[in-house]
């Protein structure tokens, strides 16, 4: 004859437990993959940003020295480059904040939560 109800329930329980364990392992692996992808992306962007900042530093020093030589006053060259960066910061603070906020808010929202 066929299997008894208790044997069927035992097989069902075993299969369900195996499915749950496999599902948990899959989600752990998926989470690990997503975290590592984020870490790699972040470290890549940090390295690019570091080298960009070093480049800007040396270009700014070169521009300061050049302007100082043109004006026969090194301090004035550094002051002009400093004022340029100060004005750049003010412009970014005034005009770029709404653009940046809009970009990040639209990017972070799932499609279902985006308002029109």
N, C-alpha and C. Protein backbone atom coordinates (compact mmCIF):
# COMPACT_ATOMS: atom_id res chain seq x y z
N UNK A 1 0.80 -1.19 0.00
CA UNK A 1 0.00 0.00 0.00
C UNK A 1 0.86 1.26 0.00
N UNK A 2 0.17 2.42 0.01
CA UNK A 2 0.87 3.70 -0.02
C UNK A 2 1.45 4.07 1.34
N UNK A 3 2.07 5.18 1.34
CA UNK A 3 2.67 5.67 2.57
C UNK A 3 1.57 6.19 3.49
N UNK A 4 1.89 6.18 4.77
CA UNK A 4 0.96 6.69 5.75
C UNK A 4 1.01 8.20 5.83
N UNK A 5 0.02 8.75 6.48
CA UNK A 5 -0.08 10.21 6.62
C UNK A 5 1.14 10.75 7.37
N UNK A 6 1.57 10.07 8.40
CA UNK A 6 2.72 10.56 9.18
C UNK A 6 3.99 10.56 8.34
N UNK A 7 4.16 9.58 7.45
CA UNK A 7 5.33 9.55 6.58
C UNK A 7 5.26 10.69 5.56
N UNK A 8 4.07 10.96 5.02
CA UNK A 8 3.91 12.08 4.09
C UNK A 8 4.19 13.42 4.76
N UNK A 9 3.70 13.57 5.98
CA UNK A 9 3.94 14.80 6.73
C UNK A 9 5.44 14.95 7.01
N UNK A 10 6.10 13.85 7.35
CA UNK A 10 7.55 13.88 7.62
C UNK A 10 8.32 14.30 6.36
N UNK A 11 7.95 13.73 5.20
CA UNK A 11 8.62 14.10 3.94
C UNK A 11 8.35 15.57 3.59
N UNK A 12 7.11 16.00 3.81
CA UNK A 12 6.77 17.40 3.55
C UNK A 12 7.57 18.34 4.44
N UNK A 13 7.68 17.98 5.71
CA UNK A 13 8.44 18.79 6.66
C UNK A 13 9.91 18.86 6.26
N UNK A 14 10.46 17.73 5.87
CA UNK A 14 11.87 17.69 5.45
C UNK A 14 12.08 18.52 4.19
N UNK A 15 11.19 18.38 3.22
CA UNK A 15 11.32 19.14 1.98
C UNK A 15 11.16 20.64 2.24
N UNK A 16 10.23 21.01 3.10
CA UNK A 16 10.02 22.41 3.42
C UNK A 16 11.23 23.00 4.13
N UNK A 17 11.78 22.24 5.07
CA UNK A 17 12.96 22.70 5.80
C UNK A 17 14.15 22.85 4.85
N UNK A 18 14.29 21.93 3.94
CA UNK A 18 15.38 22.01 2.95
C UNK A 18 15.19 23.23 2.05
N UNK A 19 13.96 23.48 1.64
CA UNK A 19 13.68 24.65 0.81
C UNK A 19 14.00 25.94 1.55
N UNK A 20 13.60 26.03 2.80
CA UNK A 20 13.85 27.24 3.59
C UNK A 20 15.35 27.47 3.77
N UNK A 21 16.10 26.40 4.05
CA UNK A 21 17.55 26.53 4.21
C UNK A 21 18.20 26.97 2.89
N UNK A 22 17.75 26.41 1.79
CA UNK A 22 18.29 26.81 0.49
C UNK A 22 17.96 28.26 0.18
N UNK A 23 16.75 28.67 0.51
CA UNK A 23 16.33 30.05 0.28
C UNK A 23 17.16 31.01 1.13
N UNK A 24 17.41 30.66 2.37
CA UNK A 24 18.23 31.50 3.25
C UNK A 24 19.65 31.61 2.71
N UNK A 25 20.22 30.49 2.27
CA UNK A 25 21.58 30.51 1.72
C UNK A 25 21.64 31.35 0.45
N UNK A 26 20.61 31.26 -0.39
CA UNK A 26 20.56 32.06 -1.60
C UNK A 26 20.55 33.55 -1.27
N UNK A 27 19.71 33.95 -0.31
CA UNK A 27 19.62 35.36 0.04
C UNK A 27 20.89 35.86 0.71
N UNK A 28 21.56 35.00 1.49
CA UNK A 28 22.85 35.39 2.06
C UNK A 28 23.87 35.64 0.96
N UNK A 29 23.91 34.76 -0.02
CA UNK A 29 24.85 34.92 -1.13
C UNK A 29 24.52 36.16 -1.96
N UNK A 30 23.23 36.40 -2.19
CA UNK A 30 22.81 37.58 -2.94
C UNK A 30 23.18 38.86 -2.19
N UNK A 31 22.97 38.87 -0.87
CA UNK A 31 23.35 40.03 -0.05
C UNK A 31 24.86 40.25 -0.10
N UNK A 32 25.64 39.18 0.00
CA UNK A 32 27.10 39.27 -0.06
C UNK A 32 27.53 39.87 -1.40
N UNK A 33 26.89 39.41 -2.47
CA UNK A 33 27.23 39.92 -3.81
C UNK A 33 26.92 41.42 -3.90
N UNK A 34 25.78 41.85 -3.39
CA UNK A 34 25.40 43.26 -3.45
C UNK A 34 26.31 44.12 -2.58
N UNK A 35 26.66 43.63 -1.39
CA UNK A 35 27.54 44.39 -0.49
C UNK A 35 28.92 44.52 -1.12
N UNK A 36 29.45 43.44 -1.67
CA UNK A 36 30.78 43.50 -2.30
C UNK A 36 30.77 44.42 -3.52
N UNK A 37 29.69 44.41 -4.27
CA UNK A 37 29.58 45.31 -5.41
C UNK A 37 29.60 46.76 -4.94
N UNK A 38 28.90 47.06 -3.86
CA UNK A 38 28.90 48.40 -3.30
C UNK A 38 30.26 48.81 -2.76
N UNK A 39 30.95 47.88 -2.10
CA UNK A 39 32.28 48.17 -1.55
C UNK A 39 33.27 48.44 -2.68
N UNK A 40 33.23 47.62 -3.71
CA UNK A 40 34.14 47.81 -4.84
C UNK A 40 33.86 49.14 -5.54
N UNK A 41 32.59 49.44 -5.76
CA UNK A 41 32.22 50.70 -6.40
C UNK A 41 32.65 51.90 -5.56
N UNK A 42 32.42 51.81 -4.26
CA UNK A 42 32.80 52.92 -3.37
C UNK A 42 34.31 53.12 -3.33
N UNK A 43 35.06 52.03 -3.23
CA UNK A 43 36.52 52.17 -3.17
C UNK A 43 37.07 52.71 -4.50
N UNK A 44 36.46 52.31 -5.60
CA UNK A 44 36.89 52.83 -6.91
C UNK A 44 36.64 54.34 -6.98
N UNK A 45 35.47 54.76 -6.54
CA UNK A 45 35.14 56.19 -6.56
C UNK A 45 36.03 56.98 -5.60
N UNK A 46 36.35 56.40 -4.45
CA UNK A 46 37.24 57.07 -3.51
C UNK A 46 38.64 57.26 -4.10
N UNK A 47 39.15 56.24 -4.77
CA UNK A 47 40.46 56.36 -5.40
C UNK A 47 40.46 57.42 -6.50
N UNK A 48 39.43 57.41 -7.33
CA UNK A 48 39.33 58.43 -8.38
C UNK A 48 39.24 59.82 -7.77
N UNK A 49 38.43 59.97 -6.74
CA UNK A 49 38.30 61.26 -6.07
C UNK A 49 39.61 61.72 -5.45
N UNK A 50 40.35 60.79 -4.85
CA UNK A 50 41.64 61.13 -4.25
C UNK A 50 42.60 61.67 -5.30
N UNK A 51 42.73 60.96 -6.41
CA UNK A 51 43.65 61.40 -7.45
C UNK A 51 43.18 62.69 -8.13
N UNK A 52 41.87 62.87 -8.23
CA UNK A 52 41.35 64.12 -8.77
C UNK A 52 41.70 65.29 -7.86
N UNK A 53 41.53 65.10 -6.55
CA UNK A 53 41.86 66.17 -5.61
C UNK A 53 43.36 66.49 -5.61
N UNK A 54 44.20 65.48 -5.71
CA UNK A 54 45.64 65.72 -5.79
C UNK A 54 45.96 66.51 -7.06
N UNK A 55 45.33 66.13 -8.17
CA UNK A 55 45.55 66.85 -9.43
C UNK A 55 45.12 68.30 -9.32
N UNK A 56 43.95 68.53 -8.74
CA UNK A 56 43.46 69.90 -8.57
C UNK A 56 44.39 70.70 -7.67
N UNK A 57 44.92 70.06 -6.63
CA UNK A 57 45.84 70.75 -5.73
C UNK A 57 47.08 71.23 -6.48
N UNK A 58 47.70 70.34 -7.26
CA UNK A 58 48.90 70.74 -7.99
C UNK A 58 48.61 71.76 -9.09
N UNK A 59 47.47 71.59 -9.76
CA UNK A 59 47.11 72.59 -10.79
C UNK A 59 46.84 73.96 -10.16
N UNK A 60 46.23 73.97 -8.99
CA UNK A 60 45.97 75.23 -8.29
C UNK A 60 47.27 75.89 -7.86
N UNK A 61 48.19 75.09 -7.35
CA UNK A 61 49.49 75.65 -6.97
C UNK A 61 50.21 76.23 -8.19
N UNK A 62 50.17 75.50 -9.29
CA UNK A 62 50.81 75.99 -10.51
C UNK A 62 50.16 77.28 -11.00
N UNK A 63 48.84 77.33 -10.96
CA UNK A 63 48.13 78.54 -11.39
C UNK A 63 48.45 79.71 -10.46
N UNK A 64 48.53 79.44 -9.16
CA UNK A 64 48.85 80.50 -8.19
C UNK A 64 50.24 81.07 -8.45
N UNK A 65 51.18 80.19 -8.67
CA UNK A 65 52.55 80.64 -8.93
C UNK A 65 52.62 81.42 -10.24
N UNK A 66 51.93 80.93 -11.26
CA UNK A 66 51.93 81.62 -12.55
C UNK A 66 51.31 83.01 -12.45
N UNK A 67 50.15 83.08 -11.80
CA UNK A 67 49.49 84.39 -11.63
C UNK A 67 50.36 85.32 -10.78
N UNK A 68 50.99 84.75 -9.74
CA UNK A 68 51.88 85.55 -8.90
C UNK A 68 53.06 86.10 -9.69
N UNK A 69 53.60 85.28 -10.60
CA UNK A 69 54.70 85.76 -11.46
C UNK A 69 54.23 86.86 -12.41
N UNK A 70 53.02 86.71 -12.94
CA UNK A 70 52.50 87.74 -13.84
C UNK A 70 52.30 89.08 -13.13
N UNK A 71 51.88 89.00 -11.87
CA UNK A 71 51.60 90.22 -11.10
C UNK A 71 52.78 90.66 -10.25
N UNK A 72 53.87 89.93 -10.30
CA UNK A 72 55.07 90.19 -9.49
C UNK A 72 54.76 90.18 -7.99
N UNK A 73 53.79 89.35 -7.61
CA UNK A 73 53.44 89.23 -6.19
C UNK A 73 52.84 87.84 -5.98
N UNK A 74 53.62 86.94 -5.34
CA UNK A 74 53.15 85.57 -5.15
C UNK A 74 51.89 85.51 -4.28
N UNK A 75 51.85 86.33 -3.25
CA UNK A 75 50.69 86.32 -2.35
C UNK A 75 49.41 86.67 -3.09
N UNK A 76 49.50 87.60 -4.01
CA UNK A 76 48.33 87.99 -4.79
C UNK A 76 47.87 86.84 -5.70
N UNK A 77 48.80 86.07 -6.22
CA UNK A 77 48.44 84.90 -7.03
C UNK A 77 47.67 83.87 -6.21
N UNK A 78 48.17 83.60 -4.99
CA UNK A 78 47.46 82.66 -4.12
C UNK A 78 46.09 83.21 -3.71
N UNK A 79 46.03 84.51 -3.47
CA UNK A 79 44.77 85.13 -3.09
C UNK A 79 43.74 85.02 -4.21
N UNK A 80 44.15 85.24 -5.44
CA UNK A 80 43.22 85.17 -6.58
C UNK A 80 42.69 83.75 -6.76
N UNK A 81 43.57 82.76 -6.65
CA UNK A 81 43.11 81.37 -6.79
C UNK A 81 42.20 81.00 -5.62
N UNK A 82 42.53 81.46 -4.43
CA UNK A 82 41.68 81.21 -3.27
C UNK A 82 40.30 81.83 -3.43
N UNK A 83 40.26 83.06 -3.93
CA UNK A 83 38.98 83.73 -4.18
C UNK A 83 38.17 83.01 -5.26
N UNK A 84 38.87 82.48 -6.26
CA UNK A 84 38.18 81.70 -7.30
C UNK A 84 37.47 80.50 -6.67
N UNK A 85 38.17 79.77 -5.80
CA UNK A 85 37.54 78.60 -5.17
C UNK A 85 36.43 79.02 -4.21
N UNK A 86 36.60 80.15 -3.53
CA UNK A 86 35.56 80.65 -2.65
C UNK A 86 34.29 80.97 -3.43
N UNK A 87 34.44 81.65 -4.56
CA UNK A 87 33.28 81.96 -5.41
C UNK A 87 32.65 80.70 -5.98
N UNK A 88 33.49 79.73 -6.32
CA UNK A 88 32.98 78.45 -6.83
C UNK A 88 32.13 77.74 -5.78
N UNK A 89 32.58 77.76 -4.53
CA UNK A 89 31.82 77.14 -3.45
C UNK A 89 30.48 77.86 -3.26
N UNK A 90 30.49 79.17 -3.30
CA UNK A 90 29.25 79.93 -3.14
C UNK A 90 28.27 79.61 -4.28
N UNK A 91 28.77 79.58 -5.50
CA UNK A 91 27.90 79.26 -6.64
C UNK A 91 27.31 77.85 -6.54
N UNK A 92 28.14 76.90 -6.15
CA UNK A 92 27.64 75.53 -5.99
C UNK A 92 26.61 75.46 -4.88
N UNK A 93 26.86 76.15 -3.77
CA UNK A 93 25.91 76.14 -2.65
C UNK A 93 24.58 76.76 -3.04
N UNK A 94 24.62 77.79 -3.85
CA UNK A 94 23.38 78.49 -4.21
C UNK A 94 22.59 77.78 -5.31
N UNK A 95 23.27 77.32 -6.33
CA UNK A 95 22.57 76.86 -7.52
C UNK A 95 22.54 75.34 -7.71
N UNK A 96 23.47 74.64 -7.13
CA UNK A 96 23.53 73.20 -7.39
C UNK A 96 22.75 72.36 -6.37
N UNK A 97 22.43 72.92 -5.21
CA UNK A 97 21.73 72.15 -4.19
C UNK A 97 20.40 71.58 -4.69
N UNK A 98 19.53 72.37 -5.32
CA UNK A 98 18.27 71.79 -5.81
C UNK A 98 18.48 70.72 -6.88
N UNK A 99 19.46 70.93 -7.73
CA UNK A 99 19.74 69.96 -8.80
C UNK A 99 20.22 68.64 -8.20
N UNK A 100 21.13 68.73 -7.25
CA UNK A 100 21.68 67.53 -6.61
C UNK A 100 20.60 66.81 -5.81
N UNK A 101 19.80 67.56 -5.05
CA UNK A 101 18.73 66.94 -4.27
C UNK A 101 17.74 66.22 -5.17
N UNK A 102 17.37 66.86 -6.26
CA UNK A 102 16.40 66.26 -7.19
C UNK A 102 16.96 64.97 -7.78
N UNK A 103 18.22 64.99 -8.14
CA UNK A 103 18.84 63.81 -8.74
C UNK A 103 18.87 62.65 -7.75
N UNK A 104 19.31 62.90 -6.50
CA UNK A 104 19.41 61.83 -5.53
C UNK A 104 18.05 61.34 -5.07
N UNK A 105 17.10 62.23 -4.92
CA UNK A 105 15.77 61.80 -4.49
C UNK A 105 15.12 60.94 -5.57
N UNK A 106 15.24 61.34 -6.82
CA UNK A 106 14.66 60.57 -7.91
C UNK A 106 15.38 59.24 -8.08
N UNK A 107 16.67 59.20 -7.80
CA UNK A 107 17.45 57.98 -7.99
C UNK A 107 17.18 56.98 -6.87
N UNK A 108 16.96 57.45 -5.65
CA UNK A 108 16.81 56.55 -4.52
C UNK A 108 15.40 55.98 -4.38
N UNK A 109 14.41 56.63 -4.97
CA UNK A 109 13.04 56.17 -4.81
C UNK A 109 12.75 55.00 -5.76
N UNK A 110 12.11 53.97 -5.24
CA UNK A 110 11.63 52.94 -6.15
C UNK A 110 10.56 53.52 -7.08
N UNK A 111 10.35 52.88 -8.19
CA UNK A 111 9.41 53.39 -9.19
C UNK A 111 8.00 53.56 -8.62
N UNK A 112 7.61 52.73 -7.69
CA UNK A 112 6.27 52.78 -7.12
C UNK A 112 6.06 54.03 -6.27
N UNK A 113 7.16 54.58 -5.67
CA UNK A 113 7.03 55.71 -4.76
C UNK A 113 7.25 57.06 -5.43
N UNK A 114 7.61 57.07 -6.70
CA UNK A 114 7.88 58.34 -7.36
C UNK A 114 6.59 59.10 -7.59
N UNK A 115 6.63 60.36 -7.19
CA UNK A 115 5.47 61.22 -7.32
C UNK A 115 5.59 62.05 -8.59
N UNK A 116 4.45 62.32 -9.19
CA UNK A 116 4.46 63.10 -10.43
C UNK A 116 3.97 64.49 -10.19
